[in-house]
Amino acid sequence: MAKLIILNKPFQVLSQFTTDGDKRTLTDYMDIKQVYPAGRLDFDSEGMLLLTDNGQLQAQISDPRYKLTKTYWAQVEGTATQQQCDQLCRGVKLKDGPATALSCKLISAPIIWDRNPPIRVRQSIPDSWIEISIGEGRNRQVRRMTAAVNLPTLRLVRAQIGDWTLDGLQPGEYRSINVESPERAKKAGPKPKTR
């Protein structure tokens, strides 16, 4: 079995255990040894970060070939429209190539923790929320995609990866689960069919 840690990474925390400056890291929130992040979450993004003690599982979670869907809640500047969501699903051009959302929809503000510090609020410009799912994870991809449809991201929370969710974890909290390791699943071979 492989160990999988589901962490709610707080805002302005590096997705690593070491730092060369004064930024907070994962060490400030967990003391579990020999686990490594499976993918990254930007310093200024919040929410789900997966860590594991199994290298193959780490690769499967972070490699886009395995097509694990990543779902985000994005608080954006301006009033988002369904047309903008549709445009994200059709695809937008970024400097490092095209990017397409697997799904995108308008949502009400999710019931989540307050961010510290809060977002910058401008009296004359409204904000709104969208839920966007992607199948890859390029650097700052969701932020660049929303900017491409004139919806700069003010706050970004990763809510789900594959079937794993935050399930009520507050920032800095985590839970550990055991999952079947990829090597063990391969050795076991295909499951027999039942009648």
N, C-alpha and C. Protein backbone atom coordinates (compact mmCIF):
# COMPACT_ATOMS: atom_id res chain seq x y z
N MET A 1 0.84 -1.19 0.00
CA MET A 1 0.00 0.00 0.00
C MET A 1 0.89 1.25 0.00
N ALA A 2 0.37 2.28 -0.64
CA ALA A 2 1.08 3.56 -0.67
C ALA A 2 0.35 4.53 0.25
N LYS A 3 1.10 5.42 0.86
CA LYS A 3 0.52 6.46 1.71
C LYS A 3 0.20 7.66 0.83
N LEU A 4 -1.00 8.20 0.97
CA LEU A 4 -1.40 9.41 0.25
C LEU A 4 -1.87 10.42 1.27
N ILE A 5 -1.30 11.60 1.22
CA ILE A 5 -1.67 12.69 2.12
C ILE A 5 -2.46 13.71 1.32
N ILE A 6 -3.63 14.08 1.82
CA ILE A 6 -4.43 15.15 1.22
C ILE A 6 -4.28 16.36 2.14
N LEU A 7 -3.64 17.40 1.65
CA LEU A 7 -3.36 18.61 2.43
C LEU A 7 -4.14 19.78 1.84
N ASN A 8 -4.72 20.59 2.70
CA ASN A 8 -5.29 21.86 2.27
C ASN A 8 -4.19 22.90 2.43
N LYS A 9 -3.48 23.17 1.33
CA LYS A 9 -2.35 24.10 1.37
C LYS A 9 -2.85 25.53 1.55
N PRO A 10 -2.39 26.21 2.58
CA PRO A 10 -2.82 27.60 2.76
C PRO A 10 -2.22 28.54 1.70
N PHE A 11 -2.79 29.70 1.61
CA PHE A 11 -2.31 30.80 0.76
C PHE A 11 -0.89 31.16 1.19
N GLN A 12 -0.05 31.46 0.22
CA GLN A 12 1.33 31.90 0.42
C GLN A 12 2.17 30.89 1.20
N VAL A 13 2.08 29.64 0.77
CA VAL A 13 2.92 28.57 1.28
C VAL A 13 3.53 27.87 0.07
N LEU A 14 4.83 27.61 0.12
CA LEU A 14 5.50 26.90 -0.97
C LEU A 14 5.12 25.42 -0.94
N SER A 15 4.98 24.81 -2.11
CA SER A 15 4.64 23.38 -2.22
C SER A 15 5.90 22.52 -2.13
N GLN A 16 6.69 22.76 -1.10
CA GLN A 16 7.94 22.03 -0.90
C GLN A 16 8.29 22.09 0.58
N PHE A 17 9.27 21.27 0.98
CA PHE A 17 9.63 21.20 2.39
C PHE A 17 10.80 22.10 2.76
N THR A 18 11.56 22.58 1.78
CA THR A 18 12.72 23.43 2.08
C THR A 18 12.54 24.79 1.46
N THR A 19 13.20 25.77 2.05
CA THR A 19 13.16 27.12 1.50
C THR A 19 14.53 27.76 1.69
N ASP A 20 14.82 28.76 0.88
CA ASP A 20 16.07 29.49 1.05
C ASP A 20 15.78 30.92 1.51
N GLY A 21 14.56 31.16 1.90
CA GLY A 21 14.17 32.48 2.37
C GLY A 21 13.27 32.36 3.59
N ASP A 22 12.37 33.34 3.72
CA ASP A 22 11.50 33.34 4.89
C ASP A 22 10.07 32.93 4.57
N LYS A 23 9.86 32.31 3.40
CA LYS A 23 8.52 31.88 3.03
C LYS A 23 8.15 30.59 3.77
N ARG A 24 6.87 30.47 4.10
CA ARG A 24 6.40 29.25 4.75
C ARG A 24 6.43 28.09 3.76
N THR A 25 6.66 26.89 4.30
CA THR A 25 6.73 25.68 3.48
C THR A 25 5.84 24.61 4.11
N LEU A 26 5.80 23.44 3.49
CA LEU A 26 5.00 22.33 4.01
C LEU A 26 5.46 21.89 5.39
N THR A 27 6.73 22.11 5.72
CA THR A 27 7.26 21.76 7.03
C THR A 27 6.52 22.49 8.14
N ASP A 28 5.97 23.67 7.85
CA ASP A 28 5.23 24.43 8.85
C ASP A 28 3.89 23.78 9.19
N TYR A 29 3.46 22.79 8.40
CA TYR A 29 2.13 22.20 8.58
C TYR A 29 2.12 20.70 8.81
N MET A 30 3.19 20.03 8.48
CA MET A 30 3.20 18.57 8.64
C MET A 30 4.57 18.08 9.03
N ASP A 31 4.58 17.00 9.81
CA ASP A 31 5.86 16.42 10.23
C ASP A 31 5.98 14.97 9.78
N ILE A 32 5.28 14.63 8.73
CA ILE A 32 5.35 13.28 8.18
C ILE A 32 6.62 13.18 7.32
N LYS A 33 7.39 12.16 7.56
CA LYS A 33 8.67 12.01 6.85
C LYS A 33 8.49 11.19 5.57
N GLN A 34 9.37 11.45 4.62
CA GLN A 34 9.49 10.69 3.38
C GLN A 34 8.22 10.65 2.54
N VAL A 35 7.54 11.78 2.47
CA VAL A 35 6.47 11.96 1.49
C VAL A 35 6.85 13.16 0.63
N TYR A 36 6.39 13.14 -0.62
CA TYR A 36 6.77 14.16 -1.57
C TYR A 36 5.54 14.64 -2.32
N PRO A 37 5.51 15.94 -2.67
CA PRO A 37 4.35 16.45 -3.41
C PRO A 37 4.20 15.76 -4.76
N ALA A 38 2.97 15.45 -5.09
CA ALA A 38 2.63 14.89 -6.41
C ALA A 38 2.03 16.04 -7.21
N GLY A 39 2.88 16.80 -7.86
CA GLY A 39 2.45 18.03 -8.52
C GLY A 39 2.69 19.22 -7.61
N ARG A 40 2.31 20.37 -8.09
CA ARG A 40 2.55 21.60 -7.33
C ARG A 40 1.27 22.42 -7.27
N LEU A 41 1.28 23.38 -6.38
CA LEU A 41 0.23 24.38 -6.29
C LEU A 41 0.95 25.68 -6.03
N ASP A 42 0.67 26.69 -6.85
CA ASP A 42 1.39 27.96 -6.76
C ASP A 42 1.39 28.53 -5.35
N PHE A 43 2.40 29.31 -5.04
CA PHE A 43 2.56 29.99 -3.76
C PHE A 43 1.29 30.76 -3.38
N ASP A 44 0.70 31.44 -4.36
CA ASP A 44 -0.47 32.27 -4.07
C ASP A 44 -1.80 31.58 -4.39
N SER A 45 -1.78 30.26 -4.54
CA SER A 45 -3.01 29.48 -4.71
C SER A 45 -3.22 28.64 -3.45
N GLU A 46 -4.46 28.23 -3.24
CA GLU A 46 -4.82 27.49 -2.03
C GLU A 46 -5.46 26.17 -2.41
N GLY A 47 -5.62 25.31 -1.40
CA GLY A 47 -6.42 24.12 -1.60
C GLY A 47 -5.61 22.85 -1.70
N MET A 48 -6.16 21.89 -2.44
CA MET A 48 -5.68 20.52 -2.41
C MET A 48 -4.28 20.36 -2.99
N LEU A 49 -3.43 19.76 -2.16
CA LEU A 49 -2.11 19.31 -2.59
C LEU A 49 -1.98 17.87 -2.13
N LEU A 50 -1.62 16.98 -3.05
CA LEU A 50 -1.43 15.57 -2.72
C LEU A 50 0.05 15.28 -2.53
N LEU A 51 0.36 14.47 -1.53
CA LEU A 51 1.73 14.03 -1.27
C LEU A 51 1.69 12.53 -1.09
N THR A 52 2.78 11.86 -1.45
CA THR A 52 2.82 10.41 -1.33
C THR A 52 4.24 9.94 -1.04
N ASP A 53 4.33 8.71 -0.53
CA ASP A 53 5.63 8.09 -0.30
C ASP A 53 6.00 7.13 -1.43
N ASN A 54 5.21 7.11 -2.52
CA ASN A 54 5.39 6.16 -3.60
C ASN A 54 5.70 6.91 -4.90
N GLY A 55 6.87 6.66 -5.47
CA GLY A 55 7.30 7.39 -6.67
C GLY A 55 6.41 7.16 -7.87
N GLN A 56 5.94 5.93 -8.09
CA GLN A 56 5.07 5.67 -9.24
C GLN A 56 3.72 6.36 -9.07
N LEU A 57 3.19 6.34 -7.85
CA LEU A 57 1.92 7.03 -7.61
C LEU A 57 2.09 8.53 -7.80
N GLN A 58 3.21 9.06 -7.34
CA GLN A 58 3.52 10.48 -7.51
C GLN A 58 3.52 10.83 -9.00
N ALA A 59 4.14 9.99 -9.82
CA ALA A 59 4.20 10.23 -11.27
C ALA A 59 2.81 10.14 -11.89
N GLN A 60 2.01 9.17 -11.47
CA GLN A 60 0.67 9.03 -12.05
C GLN A 60 -0.21 10.21 -11.73
N ILE A 61 -0.08 10.76 -10.52
CA ILE A 61 -0.90 11.90 -10.13
C ILE A 61 -0.50 13.15 -10.90
N SER A 62 0.80 13.35 -11.07
CA SER A 62 1.27 14.61 -11.67
C SER A 62 1.42 14.59 -13.18
N ASP A 63 1.50 13.41 -13.80
CA ASP A 63 1.72 13.32 -15.24
C ASP A 63 0.40 13.48 -16.00
N PRO A 64 0.32 14.46 -16.93
CA PRO A 64 -0.92 14.68 -17.67
C PRO A 64 -1.37 13.48 -18.51
N ARG A 65 -0.46 12.55 -18.81
CA ARG A 65 -0.86 11.37 -19.59
C ARG A 65 -1.90 10.52 -18.87
N TYR A 66 -1.92 10.60 -17.54
CA TYR A 66 -2.87 9.80 -16.77
C TYR A 66 -4.23 10.49 -16.63
N LYS A 67 -4.30 11.74 -17.09
CA LYS A 67 -5.57 12.47 -17.22
C LYS A 67 -6.37 12.56 -15.93
N LEU A 68 -5.69 12.86 -14.82
CA LEU A 68 -6.42 13.13 -13.58
C LEU A 68 -6.96 14.55 -13.66
N THR A 69 -8.25 14.68 -13.58
CA THR A 69 -8.88 15.99 -13.66
C THR A 69 -8.61 16.79 -12.40
N LYS A 70 -8.26 18.05 -12.58
CA LYS A 70 -8.03 18.96 -11.47
C LYS A 70 -9.11 20.04 -11.55
N THR A 71 -9.85 20.20 -10.46
CA THR A 71 -10.96 21.16 -10.43
C THR A 71 -10.63 22.30 -9.48
N TYR A 72 -10.86 23.51 -9.97
CA TYR A 72 -10.54 24.73 -9.23
C TYR A 72 -11.77 25.62 -9.09
N TRP A 73 -11.82 26.35 -7.99
CA TRP A 73 -12.77 27.45 -7.83
C TRP A 73 -11.96 28.73 -7.99
N ALA A 74 -12.34 29.55 -8.95
CA ALA A 74 -11.61 30.78 -9.22
C ALA A 74 -12.51 31.98 -8.97
N GLN A 75 -12.07 32.85 -8.08
CA GLN A 75 -12.75 34.13 -7.89
C GLN A 75 -12.08 35.09 -8.86
N VAL A 76 -12.87 35.62 -9.76
CA VAL A 76 -12.32 36.44 -10.84
C VAL A 76 -12.83 37.86 -10.77
N GLU A 77 -12.05 38.75 -11.33
CA GLU A 77 -12.43 40.16 -11.40
C GLU A 77 -13.40 40.35 -12.55
N GLY A 78 -14.55 40.96 -12.29
CA GLY A 78 -15.57 41.16 -13.31
C GLY A 78 -16.69 40.15 -13.12
N THR A 79 -17.73 40.33 -13.89
CA THR A 79 -18.87 39.41 -13.84
C THR A 79 -18.69 38.37 -14.94
N ALA A 80 -18.36 37.17 -14.54
CA ALA A 80 -18.13 36.09 -15.51
C ALA A 80 -19.44 35.74 -16.20
N THR A 81 -19.34 35.35 -17.47
CA THR A 81 -20.52 34.96 -18.24
C THR A 81 -20.36 33.52 -18.72
N GLN A 82 -21.47 32.93 -19.10
CA GLN A 82 -21.41 31.57 -19.65
C GLN A 82 -20.62 31.57 -20.96
N GLN A 83 -20.68 32.66 -21.71
CA GLN A 83 -19.92 32.74 -22.96
C GLN A 83 -18.41 32.65 -22.68
N GLN A 84 -17.95 33.28 -21.60
CA GLN A 84 -16.53 33.18 -21.26
C GLN A 84 -16.17 31.75 -20.84
N CYS A 85 -17.08 31.11 -20.09
CA CYS A 85 -16.85 29.70 -19.74
C CYS A 85 -16.79 28.83 -20.99
N ASP A 86 -17.71 29.07 -21.92
CA ASP A 86 -17.71 28.31 -23.17
C ASP A 86 -16.41 28.52 -23.95
N GLN A 87 -15.91 29.77 -23.94
CA GLN A 87 -14.65 30.06 -24.63
C GLN A 87 -13.50 29.29 -24.00
N LEU A 88 -13.48 29.17 -22.66
CA LEU A 88 -12.42 28.41 -21.99
C LEU A 88 -12.50 26.93 -22.37
N CYS A 89 -13.72 26.42 -22.58
CA CYS A 89 -13.89 25.01 -22.98
C CYS A 89 -13.53 24.79 -24.44
N ARG A 90 -13.67 25.81 -25.27
CA ARG A 90 -13.24 25.70 -26.67
C ARG A 90 -11.73 25.81 -26.78
N GLY A 91 -11.13 26.53 -25.83
CA GLY A 91 -9.68 26.68 -25.81
C GLY A 91 -9.23 28.10 -26.01
N VAL A 92 -8.12 28.43 -25.38
CA VAL A 92 -7.52 29.76 -25.50
C VAL A 92 -6.05 29.58 -25.84
N LYS A 93 -5.47 30.60 -26.43
CA LYS A 93 -4.05 30.56 -26.78
C LYS A 93 -3.25 31.20 -25.66
N LEU A 94 -2.27 30.44 -25.17
CA LEU A 94 -1.34 30.94 -24.17
C LEU A 94 0.05 30.99 -24.82
N LYS A 95 0.99 31.66 -24.17
CA LYS A 95 2.33 31.79 -24.75
C LYS A 95 3.00 30.43 -24.97
N ASP A 96 2.66 29.45 -24.12
CA ASP A 96 3.29 28.13 -24.26
C ASP A 96 2.37 27.13 -24.97
N GLY A 97 1.41 27.63 -25.72
CA GLY A 97 0.54 26.76 -26.51
C GLY A 97 -0.92 26.85 -26.09
N PRO A 98 -1.80 26.19 -26.83
CA PRO A 98 -3.22 26.25 -26.53
C PRO A 98 -3.55 25.53 -25.22
N ALA A 99 -4.61 25.99 -24.56
CA ALA A 99 -5.09 25.36 -23.32
C ALA A 99 -6.60 25.31 -23.37
N THR A 100 -7.15 24.16 -22.98
CA THR A 100 -8.59 23.96 -23.04
C THR A 100 -9.09 23.43 -21.71
N ALA A 101 -10.16 24.03 -21.20
CA ALA A 101 -10.79 23.52 -19.98
C ALA A 101 -11.61 22.29 -20.33
N LEU A 102 -11.64 21.31 -19.45
CA LEU A 102 -12.50 20.15 -19.63
C LEU A 102 -13.95 20.53 -19.34
N SER A 103 -14.12 21.44 -18.37
CA SER A 103 -15.44 21.98 -18.06
C SER A 103 -15.26 23.32 -17.38
N CYS A 104 -16.30 24.13 -17.45
CA CYS A 104 -16.27 25.44 -16.80
C CYS A 104 -17.71 25.86 -16.59
N LYS A 105 -18.02 26.34 -15.39
CA LYS A 105 -19.38 26.82 -15.13
C LYS A 105 -19.34 27.95 -14.11
N LEU A 106 -20.37 28.77 -14.16
CA LEU A 106 -20.54 29.84 -13.18
C LEU A 106 -21.02 29.22 -11.88
N ILE A 107 -20.50 29.68 -10.75
CA ILE A 107 -20.95 29.18 -9.45
C ILE A 107 -21.14 30.34 -8.48
N SER A 108 -21.92 30.09 -7.45
CA SER A 108 -22.00 31.04 -6.34
C SER A 108 -20.71 30.94 -5.55
N ALA A 109 -20.44 31.94 -4.74
CA ALA A 109 -19.24 31.90 -3.91
C ALA A 109 -19.29 30.64 -3.04
N PRO A 110 -18.28 29.78 -3.12
CA PRO A 110 -18.29 28.56 -2.31
C PRO A 110 -18.19 28.90 -0.82
N ILE A 111 -18.73 28.03 0.00
CA ILE A 111 -18.65 28.23 1.45
C ILE A 111 -17.32 27.63 1.90
N ILE A 112 -16.32 28.51 2.00
CA ILE A 112 -14.97 28.08 2.36
C ILE A 112 -14.41 29.07 3.37
N TRP A 113 -13.22 28.79 3.83
CA TRP A 113 -12.51 29.60 4.79
C TRP A 113 -12.21 30.99 4.24
N ASP A 114 -12.03 31.96 5.14
CA ASP A 114 -11.58 33.29 4.74
C ASP A 114 -10.10 33.22 4.41
N ARG A 115 -9.71 33.99 3.41
CA ARG A 115 -8.28 34.03 3.07
C ARG A 115 -7.62 35.12 3.90
N ASN A 116 -6.38 34.84 4.33
CA ASN A 116 -5.63 35.81 5.09
C ASN A 116 -4.29 36.04 4.40
N PRO A 117 -4.03 37.23 3.84
CA PRO A 117 -4.91 38.40 3.81
C PRO A 117 -6.01 38.23 2.75
N PRO A 118 -7.10 38.98 2.91
CA PRO A 118 -8.19 38.88 1.92
C PRO A 118 -7.77 39.46 0.57
N ILE A 119 -8.58 39.15 -0.46
CA ILE A 119 -8.29 39.70 -1.79
C ILE A 119 -8.48 41.21 -1.77
N ARG A 120 -7.88 41.86 -2.74
CA ARG A 120 -8.06 43.30 -2.91
C ARG A 120 -9.44 43.53 -3.53
N VAL A 121 -10.27 44.31 -2.87
CA VAL A 121 -11.61 44.59 -3.37
C VAL A 121 -11.63 46.00 -3.94
N ARG A 122 -12.19 46.12 -5.15
CA ARG A 122 -12.33 47.46 -5.76
C ARG A 122 -13.81 47.76 -5.85
N GLN A 123 -14.21 48.87 -5.28
CA GLN A 123 -15.62 49.24 -5.18
C GLN A 123 -16.31 49.28 -6.54
N SER A 124 -15.60 49.74 -7.57
CA SER A 124 -16.24 49.94 -8.87
C SER A 124 -16.22 48.70 -9.77
N ILE A 125 -15.53 47.64 -9.34
CA ILE A 125 -15.43 46.45 -10.18
C ILE A 125 -15.94 45.24 -9.41
N PRO A 126 -16.98 44.59 -9.93
CA PRO A 126 -17.51 43.41 -9.23
C PRO A 126 -16.57 42.21 -9.39
N ASP A 127 -16.83 41.17 -8.62
CA ASP A 127 -16.11 39.92 -8.81
C ASP A 127 -17.13 38.79 -8.84
N SER A 128 -16.70 37.65 -9.32
CA SER A 128 -17.60 36.49 -9.43
C SER A 128 -16.76 35.23 -9.34
N TRP A 129 -17.43 34.07 -9.32
CA TRP A 129 -16.75 32.79 -9.17
C TRP A 129 -17.07 31.87 -10.34
N ILE A 130 -16.07 31.11 -10.77
CA ILE A 130 -16.29 30.04 -11.75
C ILE A 130 -15.65 28.76 -11.21
N GLU A 131 -16.15 27.63 -11.67
CA GLU A 131 -15.52 26.35 -11.39
C GLU A 131 -14.95 25.86 -12.71
N ILE A 132 -13.65 25.59 -12.72
CA ILE A 132 -12.99 25.19 -13.97
C ILE A 132 -12.19 23.92 -13.72
N SER A 133 -12.29 22.97 -14.65
CA SER A 133 -11.54 21.72 -14.55
C SER A 133 -10.61 21.60 -15.74
N ILE A 134 -9.38 21.15 -15.45
CA ILE A 134 -8.39 20.97 -16.50
C ILE A 134 -7.75 19.59 -16.35
N GLY A 135 -7.14 19.12 -17.42
CA GLY A 135 -6.52 17.80 -17.41
C GLY A 135 -5.01 17.85 -17.38
N GLU A 136 -4.44 19.04 -17.33
CA GLU A 136 -2.99 19.18 -17.24
C GLU A 136 -2.70 20.18 -16.14
N GLY A 137 -1.49 20.57 -15.97
CA GLY A 137 -1.17 21.50 -14.90
C GLY A 137 0.07 22.32 -15.18
N ARG A 138 0.03 23.08 -16.26
CA ARG A 138 1.17 23.93 -16.58
C ARG A 138 1.27 25.08 -15.57
N ASN A 139 2.42 25.71 -15.54
CA ASN A 139 2.67 26.79 -14.59
C ASN A 139 1.61 27.88 -14.70
N ARG A 140 0.92 28.13 -13.59
CA ARG A 140 -0.09 29.20 -13.48
C ARG A 140 -1.14 29.11 -14.59
N GLN A 141 -1.45 27.92 -15.00
CA GLN A 141 -2.32 27.71 -16.16
C GLN A 141 -3.71 28.30 -16.00
N VAL A 142 -4.38 28.02 -14.89
CA VAL A 142 -5.75 28.53 -14.73
C VAL A 142 -5.75 30.05 -14.71
N ARG A 143 -4.81 30.65 -14.02
CA ARG A 143 -4.74 32.11 -13.97
C ARG A 143 -4.53 32.70 -15.37
N ARG A 144 -3.67 32.06 -16.15
CA ARG A 144 -3.41 32.57 -17.50
C ARG A 144 -4.62 32.35 -18.41
N MET A 145 -5.34 31.24 -18.19
CA MET A 145 -6.53 30.98 -19.00
C MET A 145 -7.63 31.99 -18.71
N THR A 146 -7.89 32.26 -17.43
CA THR A 146 -8.96 33.22 -17.11
C THR A 146 -8.58 34.62 -17.60
N ALA A 147 -7.30 34.97 -17.50
CA ALA A 147 -6.86 36.28 -18.01
C ALA A 147 -7.09 36.38 -19.52
N ALA A 148 -6.95 35.26 -20.23
CA ALA A 148 -7.13 35.25 -21.69
C ALA A 148 -8.57 35.56 -22.10
N VAL A 149 -9.52 35.37 -21.18
CA VAL A 149 -10.93 35.71 -21.48
C VAL A 149 -11.37 36.93 -20.65
N ASN A 150 -10.39 37.77 -20.28
CA ASN A 150 -10.64 39.03 -19.56
C ASN A 150 -11.28 38.83 -18.20
N LEU A 151 -10.86 37.78 -17.50
CA LEU A 151 -11.32 37.52 -16.13
C LEU A 151 -10.08 37.27 -15.24
N PRO A 152 -9.37 38.32 -14.86
CA PRO A 152 -8.19 38.09 -14.02
C PRO A 152 -8.58 37.38 -12.72
N THR A 153 -7.79 36.38 -12.34
CA THR A 153 -8.07 35.62 -11.13
C THR A 153 -7.58 36.39 -9.90
N LEU A 154 -8.49 36.53 -8.94
CA LEU A 154 -8.17 37.18 -7.67
C LEU A 154 -7.82 36.15 -6.60
N ARG A 155 -8.49 35.01 -6.65
CA ARG A 155 -8.28 33.94 -5.66
C ARG A 155 -8.48 32.60 -6.37
N LEU A 156 -7.58 31.64 -6.10
CA LEU A 156 -7.68 30.35 -6.76
C LEU A 156 -7.55 29.24 -5.73
N VAL A 157 -8.57 28.38 -5.70
CA VAL A 157 -8.62 27.26 -4.74
C VAL A 157 -8.77 25.96 -5.52
N ARG A 158 -7.82 25.03 -5.36
CA ARG A 158 -7.98 23.72 -5.98
C ARG A 158 -8.85 22.88 -5.05
N ALA A 159 -9.99 22.43 -5.57
CA ALA A 159 -10.99 21.74 -4.76
C ALA A 159 -10.92 20.22 -4.90
N GLN A 160 -10.40 19.73 -6.04
CA GLN A 160 -10.45 18.29 -6.27
C GLN A 160 -9.37 17.88 -7.27
N ILE A 161 -8.84 16.67 -7.06
CA ILE A 161 -7.95 16.02 -8.02
C ILE A 161 -8.46 14.60 -8.18
N GLY A 162 -8.84 14.24 -9.41
CA GLY A 162 -9.42 12.91 -9.62
C GLY A 162 -10.65 12.75 -8.74
N ASP A 163 -10.69 11.67 -7.96
CA ASP A 163 -11.81 11.43 -7.05
C ASP A 163 -11.56 11.98 -5.65
N TRP A 164 -10.38 12.53 -5.40
CA TRP A 164 -10.04 13.03 -4.06
C TRP A 164 -10.50 14.46 -3.90
N THR A 165 -11.11 14.75 -2.73
CA THR A 165 -11.60 16.11 -2.43
C THR A 165 -11.05 16.56 -1.08
N LEU A 166 -11.23 17.84 -0.79
CA LEU A 166 -10.79 18.39 0.48
C LEU A 166 -11.66 17.93 1.65
N ASP A 167 -12.93 17.63 1.39
CA ASP A 167 -13.86 17.13 2.41
C ASP A 167 -13.73 17.81 3.77
N GLY A 168 -13.89 19.12 3.80
CA GLY A 168 -13.93 19.84 5.07
C GLY A 168 -12.60 20.16 5.71
N LEU A 169 -11.48 19.85 5.08
CA LEU A 169 -10.18 20.20 5.65
C LEU A 169 -10.01 21.72 5.64
N GLN A 170 -9.59 22.27 6.74
CA GLN A 170 -9.29 23.70 6.82
C GLN A 170 -7.84 23.94 6.38
N PRO A 171 -7.47 25.17 6.04
CA PRO A 171 -6.10 25.44 5.62
C PRO A 171 -5.09 24.92 6.65
N GLY A 172 -4.09 24.19 6.15
CA GLY A 172 -3.06 23.64 7.01
C GLY A 172 -3.40 22.26 7.56
N GLU A 173 -4.64 21.81 7.40
CA GLU A 173 -5.03 20.48 7.87
C GLU A 173 -4.81 19.44 6.77
N TYR A 174 -4.60 18.20 7.19
CA TYR A 174 -4.41 17.12 6.21
C TYR A 174 -4.96 15.83 6.77
N ARG A 175 -5.15 14.87 5.89
CA ARG A 175 -5.49 13.51 6.31
C ARG A 175 -4.66 12.56 5.47
N SER A 176 -4.40 11.40 6.06
CA SER A 176 -3.59 10.38 5.43
C SER A 176 -4.47 9.19 5.12
N ILE A 177 -4.36 8.66 3.90
CA ILE A 177 -5.09 7.46 3.53
C ILE A 177 -4.12 6.48 2.87
N ASN A 178 -4.47 5.23 2.87
CA ASN A 178 -3.68 4.22 2.17
C ASN A 178 -4.37 3.87 0.87
N VAL A 179 -3.61 3.84 -0.20
CA VAL A 179 -4.16 3.48 -1.51
C VAL A 179 -3.29 2.38 -2.10
N GLU A 180 -3.85 1.62 -3.00
CA GLU A 180 -3.07 0.56 -3.64
C GLU A 180 -1.98 1.19 -4.49
N SER A 181 -0.77 0.71 -4.31
CA SER A 181 0.34 1.27 -5.07
C SER A 181 0.25 0.79 -6.51
N PRO A 182 0.71 1.60 -7.47
CA PRO A 182 0.65 1.20 -8.88
C PRO A 182 1.40 -0.10 -9.16
N GLU A 183 2.57 -0.31 -8.48
CA GLU A 183 3.33 -1.54 -8.73
C GLU A 183 2.53 -2.76 -8.29
N ARG A 184 1.86 -2.65 -7.16
CA ARG A 184 1.09 -3.77 -6.64
C ARG A 184 -0.09 -4.08 -7.55
N ALA A 185 -0.72 -3.04 -8.07
CA ALA A 185 -1.85 -3.24 -8.97
C ALA A 185 -1.39 -3.95 -10.25
N LYS A 186 -0.19 -3.60 -10.75
CA LYS A 186 0.33 -4.26 -11.96
C LYS A 186 0.63 -5.73 -11.70
N LYS A 187 1.24 -6.02 -10.55
CA LYS A 187 1.60 -7.40 -10.22
C LYS A 187 0.37 -8.27 -10.06
N ALA A 188 -0.69 -7.69 -9.54
CA ALA A 188 -1.92 -8.46 -9.32
C ALA A 188 -2.58 -8.81 -10.65
N GLY A 189 -2.29 -8.04 -11.68
CA GLY A 189 -2.87 -8.31 -13.00
C GLY A 189 -4.34 -7.89 -13.06
N PRO A 190 -4.97 -8.17 -14.17
CA PRO A 190 -6.36 -7.76 -14.31
C PRO A 190 -7.25 -8.53 -13.35
N LYS A 191 -8.29 -7.86 -12.90
CA LYS A 191 -9.24 -8.51 -12.00
C LYS A 191 -10.06 -9.51 -12.80
N PRO A 192 -10.34 -10.69 -12.20
CA PRO A 192 -11.14 -11.68 -12.92
C PRO A 192 -12.57 -11.18 -13.09
N LYS A 193 -13.16 -11.55 -14.21
CA LYS A 193 -14.54 -11.17 -14.46
C LYS A 193 -15.46 -12.07 -13.66
N THR A 194 -16.52 -11.49 -13.15
CA THR A 194 -17.49 -12.27 -12.40
C THR A 194 -18.78 -12.35 -13.18
N ARG A 195 -19.51 -13.42 -12.96
CA ARG A 195 -20.78 -13.58 -13.68
C ARG A 195 -21.94 -13.29 -12.78
